[in-house]
Every structure is written in structure tokens, then in C-alpha cells.
Amino acid sequence: MSSPTAPEAKASGFQGQVPSIAEVVSEIIGSLALAAHAYMDEASGAGDLASAEVAIDVASLAFDRIRERLGAERRLAIAQLLTETRLAYVRRREA
């Protein structure tokens, strides 16, 4: 698949330069990690551990696909985010 041309980029909502796939997927991983925490939050009434597990699994798979395209700092930050999210999931599941 090729990257969008200027008219396609504008039509898809991008203004200016189209972000790299690493940037887009990094944002998605962050959103999935936040969603996983929200699904684990019983106080909000969510308490859906199955959905939290799916969000964590998909975020982990996405990270594995783009890991090599990330700089060292971003790679470390995402790895830490996913580790903390997994640990929170395990603690919540065992509670």
C-alpha cells in the first residue's frame, strides 16, 4: 500500500505532513493502554477484564510490529507503559 497523495491526505483529515506509521501506531497503543485501565476500573462500573485483556493483547501486538521503527526513548516509554498495564491487569485479576 502506498502513502496517500496530498489530495488523499487532505480528504482523510490530515493537514500538512502525514504522520509516520510509528507515530500513528504509538498513539493507538497509548489509547489501548488507557482503555485497558478504564476496563479494569470497578469504581466506574466498567470492570470488564475480558475487554482489558483484549486491549492489552492488541497493544502488545502493535508494539511488536513497530518496535524497530521507534527511537530508543519512545520504545522504552511504550515498553514501560505496557509492562505497567499488564501488571495492573494481573493484580486486578487476582484480586
PDB file of N, CA and C in Angstrom:
ATOM      1  N   MET A   1       0.844  -1.172   0.000  1.00  0.00           N
ATOM      2  CA  MET A   1       0.000   0.000   0.000  1.00  0.00           C
ATOM      3  C   MET A   1       0.891   1.238   0.000  1.00  0.00           C
ATOM      4  N   SER A   2       0.589   2.186  -0.800  1.00  0.00           N
ATOM      5  CA  SER A   2       1.404   3.396  -0.873  1.00  0.00           C
ATOM      6  C   SER A   2       0.862   4.451   0.077  1.00  0.00           C
ATOM      7  N   SER A   3       1.698   5.445   0.359  1.00  0.00           N
ATOM      8  CA  SER A   3       1.243   6.526   1.230  1.00  0.00           C
ATOM      9  C   SER A   3       0.329   7.448   0.438  1.00  0.00           C
ATOM     10  N   PRO A   4      -0.597   8.118   1.132  1.00  0.00           N
ATOM     11  CA  PRO A   4      -1.566   8.955   0.421  1.00  0.00           C
ATOM     12  C   PRO A   4      -0.909  10.149  -0.265  1.00  0.00           C
ATOM     13  N   THR A   5      -1.463  10.529  -1.387  1.00  0.00           N
ATOM     14  CA  THR A   5      -1.005  11.732  -2.061  1.00  0.00           C
ATOM     15  C   THR A   5      -1.598  12.928  -1.332  1.00  0.00           C
ATOM     16  N   ALA A   6      -1.168  14.112  -1.674  1.00  0.00           N
ATOM     17  CA  ALA A   6      -1.631  15.323  -0.982  1.00  0.00           C
ATOM     18  C   ALA A   6      -3.150  15.441  -0.959  1.00  0.00           C
ATOM     19  N   PRO A   7      -3.859  15.276  -2.091  1.00  0.00           N
ATOM     20  CA  PRO A   7      -5.327  15.384  -2.037  1.00  0.00           C
ATOM     21  C   PRO A   7      -5.948  14.293  -1.162  1.00  0.00           C
ATOM     22  N   GLU A   8      -5.405  13.069  -1.224  1.00  0.00           N
ATOM     23  CA  GLU A   8      -5.933  11.981  -0.398  1.00  0.00           C
ATOM     24  C   GLU A   8      -5.703  12.278   1.079  1.00  0.00           C
ATOM     25  N   ALA A   9      -4.534  12.833   1.420  1.00  0.00           N
ATOM     26  CA  ALA A   9      -4.219  13.150   2.807  1.00  0.00           C
ATOM     27  C   ALA A   9      -5.178  14.203   3.342  1.00  0.00           C
ATOM     28  N   LYS A  10      -5.461  15.227   2.544  1.00  0.00           N
ATOM     29  CA  LYS A  10      -6.391  16.267   2.979  1.00  0.00           C
ATOM     30  C   LYS A  10      -7.801  15.699   3.124  1.00  0.00           C
ATOM     31  N   ALA A  11      -8.198  14.841   2.206  1.00  0.00           N
ATOM     32  CA  ALA A  11      -9.530  14.248   2.273  1.00  0.00           C
ATOM     33  C   ALA A  11      -9.669  13.342   3.493  1.00  0.00           C
ATOM     34  N   SER A  12      -8.569  12.737   3.950  1.00  0.00           N
ATOM     35  CA  SER A  12      -8.642  11.832   5.095  1.00  0.00           C
ATOM     36  C   SER A  12      -8.504  12.570   6.422  1.00  0.00           C
ATOM     37  N   GLY A  13      -8.351  13.885   6.386  1.00  0.00           N
ATOM     38  CA  GLY A  13      -8.298  14.657   7.617  1.00  0.00           C
ATOM     39  C   GLY A  13      -6.911  15.113   8.021  1.00  0.00           C
ATOM     40  N   PHE A  14      -5.877  14.709   7.306  1.00  0.00           N
ATOM     41  CA  PHE A  14      -4.523  15.144   7.632  1.00  0.00           C
ATOM     42  C   PHE A  14      -4.287  16.538   7.064  1.00  0.00           C
ATOM     43  N   GLN A  15      -3.799  17.420   7.909  1.00  0.00           N
ATOM     44  CA  GLN A  15      -3.444  18.770   7.475  1.00  0.00           C
ATOM     45  C   GLN A  15      -1.931  18.859   7.500  1.00  0.00           C
ATOM     46  N   GLY A  16      -1.330  19.136   6.389  1.00  0.00           N
ATOM     47  CA  GLY A  16       0.128  19.214   6.337  1.00  0.00           C
ATOM     48  C   GLY A  16       0.719  17.843   6.112  1.00  0.00           C
ATOM     49  N   GLN A  17       1.794  17.543   6.836  1.00  0.00           N
ATOM     50  CA  GLN A  17       2.534  16.301   6.643  1.00  0.00           C
ATOM     51  C   GLN A  17       1.796  15.103   7.257  1.00  0.00           C
ATOM     52  N   VAL A  18       1.771  14.003   6.537  1.00  0.00           N
ATOM     53  CA  VAL A  18       1.169  12.770   7.021  1.00  0.00           C
ATOM     54  C   VAL A  18       2.118  12.158   8.052  1.00  0.00           C
ATOM     55  N   PRO A  19       1.607  11.799   9.245  1.00  0.00           N
ATOM     56  CA  PRO A  19       2.487  11.233  10.275  1.00  0.00           C
ATOM     57  C   PRO A  19       2.992   9.852   9.872  1.00  0.00           C
ATOM     58  N   SER A  20       4.124   9.468  10.442  1.00  0.00           N
ATOM     59  CA  SER A  20       4.665   8.144  10.163  1.00  0.00           C
ATOM     60  C   SER A  20       3.770   7.087  10.793  1.00  0.00           C
ATOM     61  N   ILE A  21       3.865   5.878  10.290  1.00  0.00           N
ATOM     62  CA  ILE A  21       3.078   4.792  10.849  1.00  0.00           C
ATOM     63  C   ILE A  21       3.470   4.545  12.303  1.00  0.00           C
ATOM     64  N   ALA A  22       4.728   4.750  12.652  1.00  0.00           N
ATOM     65  CA  ALA A  22       5.170   4.578  14.038  1.00  0.00           C
ATOM     66  C   ALA A  22       4.459   5.566  14.966  1.00  0.00           C
ATOM     67  N   GLU A  23       4.280   6.799  14.496  1.00  0.00           N
ATOM     68  CA  GLU A  23       3.573   7.799  15.297  1.00  0.00           C
ATOM     69  C   GLU A  23       2.105   7.430  15.470  1.00  0.00           C
ATOM     70  N   VAL A  24       1.487   7.005  14.390  1.00  0.00           N
ATOM     71  CA  VAL A  24       0.070   6.647  14.437  1.00  0.00           C
ATOM     72  C   VAL A  24      -0.138   5.450  15.361  1.00  0.00           C
ATOM     73  N   VAL A  25       0.674   4.417  15.191  1.00  0.00           N
ATOM     74  CA  VAL A  25       0.507   3.212  15.999  1.00  0.00           C
ATOM     75  C   VAL A  25       0.866   3.478  17.460  1.00  0.00           C
ATOM     76  N   SER A  26       1.841   4.341  17.706  1.00  0.00           N
ATOM     77  CA  SER A  26       2.171   4.706  19.085  1.00  0.00           C
ATOM     78  C   SER A  26       0.974   5.336  19.777  1.00  0.00           C
ATOM     79  N   GLU A  27       0.261   6.194  19.079  1.00  0.00           N
ATOM     80  CA  GLU A  27      -0.952   6.805  19.630  1.00  0.00           C
ATOM     81  C   GLU A  27      -2.024   5.754  19.899  1.00  0.00           C
ATOM     82  N   ILE A  28      -2.152   4.820  18.998  1.00  0.00           N
ATOM     83  CA  ILE A  28      -3.134   3.747  19.170  1.00  0.00           C
ATOM     84  C   ILE A  28      -2.781   2.898  20.389  1.00  0.00           C
ATOM     85  N   ILE A  29      -1.504   2.592  20.564  1.00  0.00           N
ATOM     86  CA  ILE A  29      -1.068   1.811  21.719  1.00  0.00           C
ATOM     87  C   ILE A  29      -1.408   2.550  23.009  1.00  0.00           C
ATOM     88  N   GLY A  30      -1.135   3.847  23.041  1.00  0.00           N
ATOM     89  CA  GLY A  30      -1.476   4.638  24.219  1.00  0.00           C
ATOM     90  C   GLY A  30      -2.966   4.627  24.495  1.00  0.00           C
ATOM     91  N   SER A  31      -3.768   4.746  23.455  1.00  0.00           N
ATOM     92  CA  SER A  31      -5.227   4.713  23.614  1.00  0.00           C
ATOM     93  C   SER A  31      -5.699   3.356  24.127  1.00  0.00           C
ATOM     94  N   LEU A  32      -5.103   2.290  23.616  1.00  0.00           N
ATOM     95  CA  LEU A  32      -5.475   0.954  24.081  1.00  0.00           C
ATOM     96  C   LEU A  32      -5.080   0.736  25.537  1.00  0.00           C
ATOM     97  N   ALA A  33      -3.920   1.253  25.938  1.00  0.00           N
ATOM     98  CA  ALA A  33      -3.500   1.131  27.338  1.00  0.00           C
ATOM     99  C   ALA A  33      -4.466   1.890  28.249  1.00  0.00           C
ATOM    100  N   LEU A  34      -4.864   3.082  27.843  1.00  0.00           N
ATOM    101  CA  LEU A  34      -5.852   3.845  28.621  1.00  0.00           C
ATOM    102  C   LEU A  34      -7.184   3.104  28.691  1.00  0.00           C
ATOM    103  N   ALA A  35      -7.585   2.527  27.583  1.00  0.00           N
ATOM    104  CA  ALA A  35      -8.834   1.768  27.564  1.00  0.00           C
ATOM    105  C   ALA A  35      -8.746   0.569  28.502  1.00  0.00           C
ATOM    106  N   ALA A  36      -7.616  -0.113  28.506  1.00  0.00           N
ATOM    107  CA  ALA A  36      -7.443  -1.270  29.386  1.00  0.00           C
ATOM    108  C   ALA A  36      -7.602  -0.857  30.843  1.00  0.00           C
ATOM    109  N   HIS A  37      -6.997   0.270  31.213  1.00  0.00           N
ATOM    110  CA  HIS A  37      -7.135   0.760  32.590  1.00  0.00           C
ATOM    111  C   HIS A  37      -8.596   1.115  32.896  1.00  0.00           C
ATOM    112  N   ALA A  38      -9.273   1.702  31.944  1.00  0.00           N
ATOM    113  CA  ALA A  38     -10.685   2.039  32.153  1.00  0.00           C
ATOM    114  C   ALA A  38     -11.517   0.771  32.335  1.00  0.00           C
ATOM    115  N   TYR A  39     -11.241  -0.265  31.554  1.00  0.00           N
ATOM    116  CA  TYR A  39     -11.971  -1.524  31.688  1.00  0.00           C
ATOM    117  C   TYR A  39     -11.689  -2.207  33.029  1.00  0.00           C
ATOM    118  N   MET A  40     -10.527  -1.949  33.599  1.00  0.00           N
ATOM    119  CA  MET A  40     -10.177  -2.558  34.886  1.00  0.00           C
ATOM    120  C   MET A  40     -10.753  -1.789  36.071  1.00  0.00           C
ATOM    121  N   ASP A  41     -11.297  -0.623  35.842  1.00  0.00           N
ATOM    122  CA  ASP A  41     -11.768   0.249  36.916  1.00  0.00           C
ATOM    123  C   ASP A  41     -13.180  -0.133  37.354  1.00  0.00           C
ATOM    124  N   GLU A  42     -13.265  -0.814  38.480  1.00  0.00           N
ATOM    125  CA  GLU A  42     -14.580  -1.205  39.003  1.00  0.00           C
ATOM    126  C   GLU A  42     -15.368  -0.001  39.506  1.00  0.00           C
ATOM    127  N   ALA A  43     -14.659   1.014  39.979  1.00  0.00           N
ATOM    128  CA  ALA A  43     -15.332   2.196  40.534  1.00  0.00           C
ATOM    129  C   ALA A  43     -16.220   2.877  39.492  1.00  0.00           C
ATOM    130  N   SER A  44     -15.800   2.825  38.230  1.00  0.00           N
ATOM    131  CA  SER A  44     -16.590   3.464  37.178  1.00  0.00           C
ATOM    132  C   SER A  44     -17.713   2.561  36.684  1.00  0.00           C
ATOM    133  N   GLY A  45     -17.745   1.341  37.196  1.00  0.00           N
ATOM    134  CA  GLY A  45     -18.774   0.403  36.766  1.00  0.00           C
ATOM    135  C   GLY A  45     -18.360  -0.420  35.569  1.00  0.00           C
ATOM    136  N   ALA A  46     -17.164  -0.160  35.028  1.00  0.00           N
ATOM    137  CA  ALA A  46     -16.718  -0.911  33.853  1.00  0.00           C
ATOM    138  C   ALA A  46     -16.414  -2.353  34.261  1.00  0.00           C
ATOM    139  N   GLY A  47     -15.328  -2.569  34.961  1.00  0.00           N
ATOM    140  CA  GLY A  47     -14.975  -3.889  35.456  1.00  0.00           C
ATOM    141  C   GLY A  47     -15.062  -4.997  34.428  1.00  0.00           C
ATOM    142  N   ASP A  48     -14.591  -4.787  33.231  1.00  0.00           N
ATOM    143  CA  ASP A  48     -14.655  -5.769  32.143  1.00  0.00           C
ATOM    144  C   ASP A  48     -13.242  -6.270  31.851  1.00  0.00           C
ATOM    145  N   LEU A  49     -12.821  -7.285  32.608  1.00  0.00           N
ATOM    146  CA  LEU A  49     -11.452  -7.783  32.467  1.00  0.00           C
ATOM    147  C   LEU A  49     -11.193  -8.424  31.106  1.00  0.00           C
ATOM    148  N   ALA A  50     -12.206  -9.028  30.511  1.00  0.00           N
ATOM    149  CA  ALA A  50     -12.015  -9.631  29.191  1.00  0.00           C
ATOM    150  C   ALA A  50     -11.669  -8.556  28.156  1.00  0.00           C
ATOM    151  N   SER A  51     -12.345  -7.423  28.218  1.00  0.00           N
ATOM    152  CA  SER A  51     -12.035  -6.325  27.293  1.00  0.00           C
ATOM    153  C   SER A  51     -10.671  -5.724  27.591  1.00  0.00           C
ATOM    154  N   ALA A  52     -10.311  -5.624  28.865  1.00  0.00           N
ATOM    155  CA  ALA A  52      -8.980  -5.123  29.231  1.00  0.00           C
ATOM    156  C   ALA A  52      -7.904  -6.025  28.652  1.00  0.00           C
ATOM    157  N   GLU A  53      -8.120  -7.328  28.743  1.00  0.00           N
ATOM    158  CA  GLU A  53      -7.147  -8.284  28.209  1.00  0.00           C
ATOM    159  C   GLU A  53      -6.985  -8.133  26.697  1.00  0.00           C
ATOM    160  N   VAL A  54      -8.087  -7.959  25.996  1.00  0.00           N
ATOM    161  CA  VAL A  54      -8.028  -7.762  24.540  1.00  0.00           C
ATOM    162  C   VAL A  54      -7.254  -6.494  24.207  1.00  0.00           C
ATOM    163  N   ALA A  55      -7.541  -5.404  24.908  1.00  0.00           N
ATOM    164  CA  ALA A  55      -6.851  -4.135  24.659  1.00  0.00           C
ATOM    165  C   ALA A  55      -5.348  -4.284  24.882  1.00  0.00           C
ATOM    166  N   ILE A  56      -4.962  -4.980  25.948  1.00  0.00           N
ATOM    167  CA  ILE A  56      -3.537  -5.194  26.242  1.00  0.00           C
ATOM    168  C   ILE A  56      -2.893  -6.061  25.161  1.00  0.00           C
ATOM    169  N   ASP A  57      -3.573  -7.122  24.759  1.00  0.00           N
ATOM    170  CA  ASP A  57      -3.026  -8.011  23.730  1.00  0.00           C
ATOM    171  C   ASP A  57      -2.830  -7.296  22.394  1.00  0.00           C
ATOM    172  N   VAL A  58      -3.827  -6.511  21.993  1.00  0.00           N
ATOM    173  CA  VAL A  58      -3.732  -5.788  20.716  1.00  0.00           C
ATOM    174  C   VAL A  58      -2.625  -4.731  20.787  1.00  0.00           C
ATOM    175  N   ALA A  59      -2.534  -4.018  21.907  1.00  0.00           N
ATOM    176  CA  ALA A  59      -1.470  -3.022  22.072  1.00  0.00           C
ATOM    177  C   ALA A  59      -0.098  -3.681  22.005  1.00  0.00           C
ATOM    178  N   SER A  60       0.040  -4.840  22.619  1.00  0.00           N
ATOM    179  CA  SER A  60       1.317  -5.559  22.607  1.00  0.00           C
ATOM    180  C   SER A  60       1.690  -6.007  21.197  1.00  0.00           C
ATOM    181  N   LEU A  61       0.713  -6.516  20.467  1.00  0.00           N
ATOM    182  CA  LEU A  61       0.969  -6.928  19.085  1.00  0.00           C
ATOM    183  C   LEU A  61       1.368  -5.738  18.214  1.00  0.00           C
ATOM    184  N   ALA A  62       0.688  -4.622  18.390  1.00  0.00           N
ATOM    185  CA  ALA A  62       1.012  -3.420  17.620  1.00  0.00           C
ATOM    186  C   ALA A  62       2.426  -2.948  17.945  1.00  0.00           C
ATOM    187  N   PHE A  63       2.780  -2.987  19.222  1.00  0.00           N
ATOM    188  CA  PHE A  63       4.131  -2.585  19.634  1.00  0.00           C
ATOM    189  C   PHE A  63       5.186  -3.487  19.005  1.00  0.00           C
ATOM    190  N   ASP A  64       4.920  -4.783  18.985  1.00  0.00           N
ATOM    191  CA  ASP A  64       5.868  -5.714  18.366  1.00  0.00           C
ATOM    192  C   ASP A  64       6.091  -5.388  16.893  1.00  0.00           C
ATOM    193  N   ARG A  65       5.044  -4.922  16.207  1.00  0.00           N
ATOM    194  CA  ARG A  65       5.150  -4.605  14.774  1.00  0.00           C
ATOM    195  C   ARG A  65       5.965  -3.346  14.498  1.00  0.00           C
ATOM    196  N   ILE A  66       5.950  -2.368  15.421  1.00  0.00           N
ATOM    197  CA  ILE A  66       6.636  -1.099  15.137  1.00  0.00           C
ATOM    198  C   ILE A  66       7.869  -0.869  15.992  1.00  0.00           C
ATOM    199  N   ARG A  67       8.167  -1.770  16.878  1.00  0.00           N
ATOM    200  CA  ARG A  67       9.284  -1.611  17.812  1.00  0.00           C
ATOM    201  C   ARG A  67      10.556  -1.120  17.131  1.00  0.00           C
ATOM    202  N   GLU A  68      10.916  -1.702  16.025  1.00  0.00           N
ATOM    203  CA  GLU A  68      12.169  -1.358  15.343  1.00  0.00           C
ATOM    204  C   GLU A  68      12.133   0.018  14.684  1.00  0.00           C
ATOM    205  N   ARG A  69      10.967   0.575  14.478  1.00  0.00           N
ATOM    206  CA  ARG A  69      10.845   1.897  13.852  1.00  0.00           C
ATOM    207  C   ARG A  69      10.901   3.038  14.862  1.00  0.00           C
ATOM    208  N   LEU A  70      10.911   2.694  16.142  1.00  0.00           N
ATOM    209  CA  LEU A  70      10.877   3.709  17.195  1.00  0.00           C
ATOM    210  C   LEU A  70      12.268   4.063  17.675  1.00  0.00           C
ATOM    211  N   GLY A  71      12.420   5.296  18.114  1.00  0.00           N
ATOM    212  CA  GLY A  71      13.653   5.705  18.762  1.00  0.00           C
ATOM    213  C   GLY A  71      13.746   5.035  20.127  1.00  0.00           C
ATOM    214  N   ALA A  72      14.928   5.040  20.700  1.00  0.00           N
ATOM    215  CA  ALA A  72      15.157   4.350  21.975  1.00  0.00           C
ATOM    216  C   ALA A  72      14.257   4.872  23.089  1.00  0.00           C
ATOM    217  N   GLU A  73      14.099   6.183  23.180  1.00  0.00           N
ATOM    218  CA  GLU A  73      13.276   6.758  24.252  1.00  0.00           C
ATOM    219  C   GLU A  73      11.810   6.368  24.126  1.00  0.00           C
ATOM    220  N   ARG A  74      11.273   6.474  22.924  1.00  0.00           N
ATOM    221  CA  ARG A  74       9.861   6.135  22.720  1.00  0.00           C
ATOM    222  C   ARG A  74       9.650   4.632  22.911  1.00  0.00           C
ATOM    223  N   ARG A  75      10.592   3.823  22.422  1.00  0.00           N
ATOM    224  CA  ARG A  75      10.489   2.372  22.586  1.00  0.00           C
ATOM    225  C   ARG A  75      10.454   2.003  24.068  1.00  0.00           C
ATOM    226  N   LEU A  76      11.336   2.612  24.865  1.00  0.00           N
ATOM    227  CA  LEU A  76      11.381   2.351  26.307  1.00  0.00           C
ATOM    228  C   LEU A  76      10.100   2.819  26.989  1.00  0.00           C
ATOM    229  N   ALA A  77       9.614   3.995  26.615  1.00  0.00           N
ATOM    230  CA  ALA A  77       8.392   4.531  27.231  1.00  0.00           C
ATOM    231  C   ALA A  77       7.192   3.625  26.965  1.00  0.00           C
ATOM    232  N   ILE A  78       7.062   3.155  25.743  1.00  0.00           N
ATOM    233  CA  ILE A  78       5.930   2.282  25.417  1.00  0.00           C
ATOM    234  C   ILE A  78       6.085   0.932  26.103  1.00  0.00           C
ATOM    235  N   ALA A  79       7.301   0.397  26.135  1.00  0.00           N
ATOM    236  CA  ALA A  79       7.532  -0.878  26.818  1.00  0.00           C
ATOM    237  C   ALA A  79       7.164  -0.765  28.294  1.00  0.00           C
ATOM    238  N   GLN A  80       7.531   0.344  28.923  1.00  0.00           N
ATOM    239  CA  GLN A  80       7.178   0.553  30.332  1.00  0.00           C
ATOM    240  C   GLN A  80       5.670   0.694  30.516  1.00  0.00           C
ATOM    241  N   LEU A  81       5.025   1.429  29.627  1.00  0.00           N
ATOM    242  CA  LEU A  81       3.579   1.592  29.687  1.00  0.00           C
ATOM    243  C   LEU A  81       2.879   0.235  29.607  1.00  0.00           C
ATOM    244  N   LEU A  82       3.308  -0.588  28.668  1.00  0.00           N
ATOM    245  CA  LEU A  82       2.681  -1.898  28.509  1.00  0.00           C
ATOM    246  C   LEU A  82       2.959  -2.804  29.706  1.00  0.00           C
ATOM    247  N   THR A  83       4.166  -2.742  30.238  1.00  0.00           N
ATOM    248  CA  THR A  83       4.501  -3.548  31.417  1.00  0.00           C
ATOM    249  C   THR A  83       3.643  -3.141  32.611  1.00  0.00           C
ATOM    250  N   GLU A  84       3.527  -1.848  32.845  1.00  0.00           N
ATOM    251  CA  GLU A  84       2.700  -1.358  33.953  1.00  0.00           C
ATOM    252  C   GLU A  84       1.234  -1.737  33.761  1.00  0.00           C
ATOM    253  N   THR A  85       0.768  -1.693  32.531  1.00  0.00           N
ATOM    254  CA  THR A  85      -0.622  -2.050  32.252  1.00  0.00           C
ATOM    255  C   THR A  85      -0.848  -3.534  32.474  1.00  0.00           C
ATOM    256  N   ARG A  86       0.094  -4.361  32.021  1.00  0.00           N
ATOM    257  CA  ARG A  86      -0.015  -5.805  32.254  1.00  0.00           C
ATOM    258  C   ARG A  86      -0.017  -6.128  33.744  1.00  0.00           C
ATOM    259  N   LEU A  87       0.877  -5.485  34.505  1.00  0.00           N
ATOM    260  CA  LEU A  87       0.942  -5.720  35.943  1.00  0.00           C
ATOM    261  C   LEU A  87      -0.352  -5.307  36.633  1.00  0.00           C
ATOM    262  N   ALA A  88      -0.918  -4.184  36.221  1.00  0.00           N
ATOM    263  CA  ALA A  88      -2.192  -3.740  36.785  1.00  0.00           C
ATOM    264  C   ALA A  88      -3.285  -4.761  36.485  1.00  0.00           C
ATOM    265  N   TYR A  89      -3.265  -5.309  35.283  1.00  0.00           N
ATOM    266  CA  TYR A  89      -4.244  -6.327  34.894  1.00  0.00           C
ATOM    267  C   TYR A  89      -4.108  -7.566  35.771  1.00  0.00           C
ATOM    268  N   VAL A  90      -2.882  -8.039  35.970  1.00  0.00           N
ATOM    269  CA  VAL A  90      -2.648  -9.239  36.791  1.00  0.00           C
ATOM    270  C   VAL A  90      -3.101  -8.995  38.229  1.00  0.00           C
ATOM    271  N   ARG A  91      -2.741  -7.830  38.781  1.00  0.00           N
ATOM    272  CA  ARG A  91      -3.171  -7.505  40.150  1.00  0.00           C
ATOM    273  C   ARG A  91      -4.690  -7.472  40.248  1.00  0.00           C
ATOM    274  N   ARG A  92      -5.332  -6.883  39.265  1.00  0.00           N
ATOM    275  CA  ARG A  92      -6.799  -6.758  39.277  1.00  0.00           C
ATOM    276  C   ARG A  92      -7.459  -8.115  39.107  1.00  0.00           C
ATOM    277  N   ARG A  93      -6.902  -8.954  38.248  1.00  0.00           N
ATOM    278  CA  ARG A  93      -7.457 -10.289  38.005  1.00  0.00           C
ATOM    279  C   ARG A  93      -7.359 -11.172  39.247  1.00  0.00           C
ATOM    280  N   GLU A  94      -6.245 -11.010  39.988  1.00  0.00           N
ATOM    281  CA  GLU A  94      -6.036 -11.834  41.167  1.00  0.00           C
ATOM    282  C   GLU A  94      -6.741 -11.304  42.414  1.00  0.00           C
ATOM    283  N   ALA A  95      -7.287 -10.108  42.322  1.00  0.00           N
ATOM    284  CA  ALA A  95      -7.960  -9.512  43.499  1.00  0.00           C
ATOM    285  C   ALA A  95      -9.329 -10.134  43.744  1.00  0.00           C
TER     286      ALA A  95
END
